[in-house]
N, C-alpha and C. Protein backbone atom coordinates (compact mmCIF):
# COMPACT_ATOMS: atom_id res chain seq x y z
N MET A 1 0.89 -1.33 0.02
CA MET A 1 0.01 -0.05 -0.07
C MET A 1 0.80 1.17 0.07
N PRO A 2 0.60 2.18 -0.96
CA PRO A 2 1.64 3.43 -0.94
C PRO A 2 1.29 4.29 0.47
N PRO A 3 2.39 5.01 0.58
CA PRO A 3 2.35 5.81 1.75
C PRO A 3 1.22 6.87 1.79
N ASP A 4 0.76 7.39 2.88
CA ASP A 4 -0.21 8.34 2.92
C ASP A 4 0.59 9.55 2.37
N ILE A 5 0.07 10.72 1.97
CA ILE A 5 0.61 11.72 1.68
C ILE A 5 -0.09 12.76 2.39
N ASP A 6 0.81 13.37 3.30
CA ASP A 6 0.23 14.43 4.02
C ASP A 6 0.64 15.94 3.78
N VAL A 7 -0.18 16.82 2.82
CA VAL A 7 0.10 18.12 2.56
C VAL A 7 -0.39 19.02 3.31
N ASP A 8 0.79 20.19 3.80
CA ASP A 8 0.26 21.25 4.53
C ASP A 8 -0.07 22.39 3.52
N VAL A 9 -1.35 22.46 3.20
CA VAL A 9 -2.03 23.23 2.12
C VAL A 9 -1.79 24.85 2.39
N GLN A 10 -1.90 24.84 3.80
CA GLN A 10 -1.68 26.32 4.17
C GLN A 10 -0.32 26.87 3.83
N ALA A 11 0.69 25.90 4.39
CA ALA A 11 2.21 26.25 3.86
C ALA A 11 2.32 26.74 2.39
N LEU A 12 1.79 25.67 1.58
CA LEU A 12 1.67 26.02 0.18
C LEU A 12 1.27 27.28 -0.18
N ARG A 13 0.07 27.68 0.39
CA ARG A 13 -0.54 29.09 0.05
C ARG A 13 0.30 30.06 0.47
N ARG A 14 1.00 29.88 1.86
CA ARG A 14 2.01 30.87 1.98
C ARG A 14 3.18 31.15 1.08
N LEU A 15 3.62 29.86 0.56
CA LEU A 15 4.66 30.05 -0.36
C LEU A 15 4.17 30.68 -1.60
N GLU A 16 2.90 30.27 -2.10
CA GLU A 16 2.22 31.19 -3.37
C GLU A 16 2.17 32.40 -3.06
N THR A 17 1.80 32.82 -1.78
CA THR A 17 1.63 34.50 -1.62
C THR A 17 3.29 34.96 -1.82
N ALA A 18 4.35 34.33 -1.05
CA ALA A 18 5.63 34.78 -0.88
C ALA A 18 5.91 34.82 -2.41
N ALA A 19 5.84 33.75 -3.23
CA ALA A 19 6.18 33.76 -4.74
C ALA A 19 5.79 35.09 -5.54
N LYS A 20 4.20 35.37 -5.26
CA LYS A 20 3.53 36.49 -5.72
C LYS A 20 4.26 37.72 -5.42
N HIS A 21 4.48 38.01 -3.83
CA HIS A 21 5.26 39.12 -3.50
C HIS A 21 6.56 39.28 -4.21
N VAL A 22 7.37 38.13 -4.39
CA VAL A 22 8.60 38.49 -5.02
C VAL A 22 8.57 38.80 -6.57
N ALA A 23 7.55 38.09 -6.99
CA ALA A 23 7.33 38.50 -8.76
C ALA A 23 7.00 40.04 -8.80
N SER A 24 5.96 40.39 -8.01
CA SER A 24 5.64 41.85 -7.63
C SER A 24 6.79 42.95 -7.55
N SER A 25 7.72 42.59 -6.54
CA SER A 25 8.97 43.41 -6.26
C SER A 25 9.74 43.22 -7.43
N LEU A 26 10.20 42.25 -8.06
CA LEU A 26 10.98 42.07 -9.05
C LEU A 26 10.43 43.10 -10.42
N ALA A 27 9.09 42.83 -10.58
CA ALA A 27 8.48 43.93 -11.52
C ALA A 27 8.84 45.28 -11.29
N ALA A 28 8.69 45.54 -10.09
CA ALA A 28 8.76 47.09 -9.62
C ALA A 28 10.37 47.46 -9.75
N LEU A 29 11.29 46.59 -9.80
CA LEU A 29 12.52 46.85 -9.81
C LEU A 29 12.92 46.65 -11.28
N GLU A 30 12.36 45.91 -12.07
CA GLU A 30 12.44 45.92 -13.52
C GLU A 30 12.00 47.42 -14.03
N ALA A 31 10.71 48.04 -13.47
CA ALA A 31 10.55 49.21 -13.95
C ALA A 31 11.41 50.37 -13.52
N GLN A 32 12.03 50.12 -12.49
CA GLN A 32 13.09 50.95 -11.99
C GLN A 32 14.18 51.15 -12.77
N ILE A 33 14.55 49.98 -13.29
CA ILE A 33 15.72 50.00 -14.24
C ILE A 33 15.46 50.77 -15.39
N VAL A 34 14.32 50.18 -16.02
CA VAL A 34 13.87 50.90 -17.34
C VAL A 34 13.79 52.48 -17.17
N SER A 35 13.42 52.82 -15.90
CA SER A 35 13.26 54.25 -15.71
C SER A 35 14.76 54.74 -15.59
N ALA A 36 15.60 53.99 -15.14
CA ALA A 36 16.96 54.48 -14.70
C ALA A 36 17.73 54.58 -16.29
N GLY A 37 17.19 53.84 -17.10
CA GLY A 37 17.70 53.94 -18.65
C GLY A 37 17.42 55.24 -19.34
N ASP A 38 16.51 55.96 -18.76
CA ASP A 38 16.06 57.10 -19.73
C ASP A 38 17.04 58.10 -19.05
N VAL A 39 18.21 58.43 -19.59
CA VAL A 39 19.00 59.56 -19.17
C VAL A 39 19.22 60.60 -20.47
N PRO A 40 19.34 61.73 -20.00
CA PRO A 40 19.73 62.87 -21.11
C PRO A 40 20.69 62.57 -21.91
N SER A 41 20.57 62.89 -23.16
CA SER A 41 21.78 62.64 -24.25
C SER A 41 23.23 63.22 -23.76
N GLY A 42 23.12 64.23 -23.05
CA GLY A 42 24.56 64.80 -22.81
C GLY A 42 24.89 64.06 -21.32
N ALA A 43 24.26 63.19 -20.58
CA ALA A 43 24.79 62.70 -19.46
C ALA A 43 26.05 61.85 -19.37
N PHE A 44 26.52 61.38 -20.57
CA PHE A 44 28.07 60.95 -20.50
C PHE A 44 28.64 61.66 -21.21
N GLY A 45 28.60 62.90 -21.12
CA GLY A 45 29.56 63.91 -21.66
C GLY A 45 29.41 64.37 -23.12
N HIS A 46 30.40 65.02 -23.72
CA HIS A 46 30.37 65.28 -25.19
C HIS A 46 31.80 64.69 -25.73
N LEU A 47 32.62 63.90 -25.18
CA LEU A 47 33.88 63.67 -25.84
C LEU A 47 33.55 62.45 -27.11
N PRO A 48 34.13 62.78 -28.03
CA PRO A 48 33.93 61.93 -29.43
C PRO A 48 34.27 60.47 -28.85
N PHE A 49 33.63 59.59 -29.32
CA PHE A 49 33.71 58.15 -29.15
C PHE A 49 33.67 57.88 -27.66
N ALA A 50 34.24 58.26 -26.79
CA ALA A 50 34.27 57.65 -25.37
C ALA A 50 32.76 58.08 -24.93
N SER A 51 32.08 59.20 -25.07
CA SER A 51 30.56 59.65 -24.42
C SER A 51 29.59 58.43 -25.35
N ASP A 52 30.01 58.15 -26.50
CA ASP A 52 29.01 57.25 -27.29
C ASP A 52 29.42 55.71 -26.82
N LEU A 53 30.57 55.51 -26.40
CA LEU A 53 30.69 54.05 -26.06
C LEU A 53 30.20 54.16 -24.45
N LEU A 54 30.26 55.05 -23.65
CA LEU A 54 29.73 54.87 -22.43
C LEU A 54 28.34 54.74 -22.58
N ARG A 55 27.54 55.69 -23.18
CA ARG A 55 26.07 55.66 -23.50
C ARG A 55 25.56 54.23 -23.89
N ALA A 56 26.48 53.35 -24.88
CA ALA A 56 26.15 52.39 -25.46
C ALA A 56 26.24 51.44 -24.47
N LYS A 57 27.08 51.09 -23.52
CA LYS A 57 27.63 50.39 -22.43
C LYS A 57 26.29 50.38 -21.51
N TYR A 58 26.29 51.43 -21.20
CA TYR A 58 25.12 51.99 -20.20
C TYR A 58 23.72 51.33 -20.59
N ALA A 59 23.46 51.49 -22.04
CA ALA A 59 22.27 50.94 -22.58
C ALA A 59 22.20 49.37 -22.44
N GLU A 60 23.50 48.95 -22.72
CA GLU A 60 23.19 47.34 -22.73
C GLU A 60 23.30 46.94 -21.24
N GLN A 61 23.78 47.51 -20.42
CA GLN A 61 23.53 47.22 -19.04
C GLN A 61 21.92 47.21 -18.45
N VAL A 62 21.28 48.42 -18.95
CA VAL A 62 19.91 48.55 -18.40
C VAL A 62 19.29 47.31 -19.32
N THR A 63 19.36 47.20 -20.59
CA THR A 63 18.94 46.28 -21.13
C THR A 63 18.75 44.79 -20.57
N GLY A 64 19.88 44.70 -20.46
CA GLY A 64 20.33 43.22 -19.65
C GLY A 64 19.74 43.06 -18.35
N GLY A 65 19.72 44.32 -17.58
CA GLY A 65 19.07 44.08 -16.24
C GLY A 65 17.60 43.99 -16.55
N LYS A 66 16.96 44.73 -17.46
CA LYS A 66 15.66 44.53 -17.64
C LYS A 66 15.38 43.31 -18.15
N GLU A 67 15.89 42.71 -18.80
CA GLU A 67 15.57 41.18 -19.20
C GLU A 67 15.80 40.22 -18.01
N LEU A 68 16.94 40.46 -17.26
CA LEU A 68 16.99 39.47 -16.21
C LEU A 68 15.76 39.54 -15.17
N PHE A 69 15.56 40.68 -14.90
CA PHE A 69 14.47 41.08 -13.68
C PHE A 69 13.13 40.56 -14.41
N GLY A 70 13.00 40.86 -15.65
CA GLY A 70 11.62 40.42 -16.17
C GLY A 70 11.44 38.77 -16.33
N ALA A 71 12.78 38.08 -16.66
CA ALA A 71 12.80 36.87 -16.51
C ALA A 71 12.57 36.14 -15.17
N ALA A 72 13.09 36.85 -14.17
CA ALA A 72 12.97 36.36 -12.71
C ALA A 72 11.26 36.65 -12.39
N ASN A 73 10.94 37.88 -12.85
CA ASN A 73 9.40 38.02 -12.39
C ASN A 73 8.65 37.03 -13.02
N ALA A 74 8.89 36.49 -14.21
CA ALA A 74 8.00 35.57 -15.11
C ALA A 74 8.22 34.19 -14.27
N ALA A 75 9.43 33.90 -13.83
CA ALA A 75 9.91 32.57 -13.08
C ALA A 75 8.98 32.66 -11.73
N PHE A 76 8.72 33.67 -10.88
CA PHE A 76 8.30 33.60 -9.88
C PHE A 76 6.76 33.64 -9.98
N GLY A 77 6.34 34.16 -11.01
CA GLY A 77 4.89 34.11 -11.43
C GLY A 77 4.46 32.82 -11.70
N ARG A 78 5.32 32.03 -12.35
CA ARG A 78 4.94 30.70 -12.77
C ARG A 78 5.00 29.96 -11.33
N VAL A 79 6.19 29.88 -10.64
CA VAL A 79 5.89 29.31 -9.46
C VAL A 79 4.58 29.58 -8.71
N ALA A 80 4.23 30.77 -8.44
CA ALA A 80 2.96 30.96 -7.77
C ALA A 80 1.80 30.35 -8.31
N THR A 81 1.64 30.16 -9.85
CA THR A 81 0.59 29.66 -10.41
C THR A 81 0.63 28.23 -10.31
N ALA A 82 1.97 27.55 -10.23
CA ALA A 82 2.09 26.11 -10.09
C ALA A 82 1.78 25.66 -8.70
N LEU A 83 1.88 26.50 -7.63
CA LEU A 83 1.69 26.41 -6.19
C LEU A 83 0.07 26.49 -6.19
N ALA A 84 -0.43 27.57 -6.86
CA ALA A 84 -2.03 27.56 -6.52
C ALA A 84 -2.57 26.50 -7.19
N ASP A 85 -2.02 25.78 -8.36
CA ASP A 85 -2.58 24.86 -9.25
C ASP A 85 -2.42 23.72 -8.15
N THR A 86 -1.17 23.45 -7.52
CA THR A 86 -1.14 22.24 -6.61
C THR A 86 -2.10 22.17 -5.38
N VAL A 87 -2.38 23.66 -4.96
CA VAL A 87 -3.23 23.53 -3.67
C VAL A 87 -4.64 23.11 -4.45
N GLU A 88 -5.08 23.81 -5.36
CA GLU A 88 -6.51 23.38 -5.98
C GLU A 88 -6.39 21.97 -6.02
N ALA A 89 -5.58 21.40 -6.63
CA ALA A 89 -5.55 19.94 -6.96
C ALA A 89 -5.77 18.93 -5.81
N TYR A 90 -4.92 19.48 -4.66
CA TYR A 90 -5.01 18.91 -3.34
C TYR A 90 -6.42 18.90 -2.66
N GLU A 91 -6.99 20.10 -2.80
CA GLU A 91 -8.11 20.31 -2.21
C GLU A 91 -9.11 19.81 -3.00
N LEU A 92 -9.15 19.68 -4.26
CA LEU A 92 -10.29 18.80 -4.92
C LEU A 92 -10.19 17.20 -4.75
N ASN A 93 -8.92 17.05 -4.56
CA ASN A 93 -8.70 15.22 -4.25
C ASN A 93 -9.25 15.19 -2.95
N GLU A 94 -8.96 16.04 -1.79
CA GLU A 94 -9.75 15.82 -0.54
C GLU A 94 -11.20 15.77 -0.62
N ARG A 95 -11.65 16.86 -1.40
CA ARG A 95 -13.12 16.77 -1.55
C ARG A 95 -13.76 15.44 -2.28
N ASP A 96 -12.93 15.02 -3.22
CA ASP A 96 -13.41 13.87 -3.97
C ASP A 96 -13.56 12.63 -3.02
N LEU A 97 -12.29 12.43 -2.07
CA LEU A 97 -12.08 11.57 -1.18
C LEU A 97 -13.08 11.52 -0.12
N ASP A 98 -13.42 12.64 0.29
CA ASP A 98 -14.60 12.95 1.39
C ASP A 98 -15.98 12.42 0.78
N SER A 99 -16.03 12.85 -0.33
CA SER A 99 -17.34 12.52 -0.95
C SER A 99 -17.51 11.15 -1.23
N GLY A 100 -16.48 10.40 -1.61
CA GLY A 100 -16.27 8.84 -1.90
C GLY A 100 -16.78 8.32 -0.43
N PHE A 101 -15.99 8.62 0.70
CA PHE A 101 -16.13 8.00 1.95
C PHE A 101 -17.71 8.35 2.37
N LYS A 102 -18.26 9.44 2.20
CA LYS A 102 -19.57 9.69 2.58
C LYS A 102 -20.57 8.73 1.80
N ALA A 103 -20.15 8.68 0.47
CA ALA A 103 -21.06 7.78 -0.52
C ALA A 103 -21.02 6.45 0.32
N ILE A 104 -19.59 5.79 0.68
CA ILE A 104 -19.75 4.46 1.20
C ILE A 104 -20.47 4.30 2.38
N GLN A 105 -20.19 5.37 3.15
CA GLN A 105 -20.89 5.17 4.43
C GLN A 105 -22.27 5.16 4.41
N SER A 106 -22.90 6.11 3.58
CA SER A 106 -24.29 6.12 3.54
C SER A 106 -25.05 4.95 2.92
N GLY A 107 -24.15 4.01 2.27
CA GLY A 107 -24.61 2.76 1.75
C GLY A 107 -24.66 1.70 2.67
N LEU A 108 -23.73 1.95 3.83
CA LEU A 108 -23.75 0.78 4.81
C LEU A 108 -24.80 0.77 5.60
N PRO A 109 -25.16 -0.43 6.03
CA PRO A 109 -26.37 -0.73 7.02
C PRO A 109 -25.94 0.07 8.40
N GLY A 110 -26.74 0.70 9.27
CA GLY A 110 -26.49 1.38 10.52
C GLY A 110 -26.87 0.88 11.49
């Protein structure tokens, strides 16, 4: 007989909430990075070649940061969704088991 599985559904819900919070925080950081990328054209000075190089490298870092935080945000969003789906599956399974036991009990002579 397979072992019983005891799942702490409330712990899964807390993890889901935490994952949603992390995703939200990462989305806010991503927005701040995008905002930080909006700098005036003269922010890196007016030296030929050097200013353009600095501006390009800065833009590269901003783009990379945006992509990384966006990917992390999406990953934590998927984790939160998976946890929510897991909780729903366990709860549905518990309801089905409960219904099955009640059906069996109602058919037994009292």
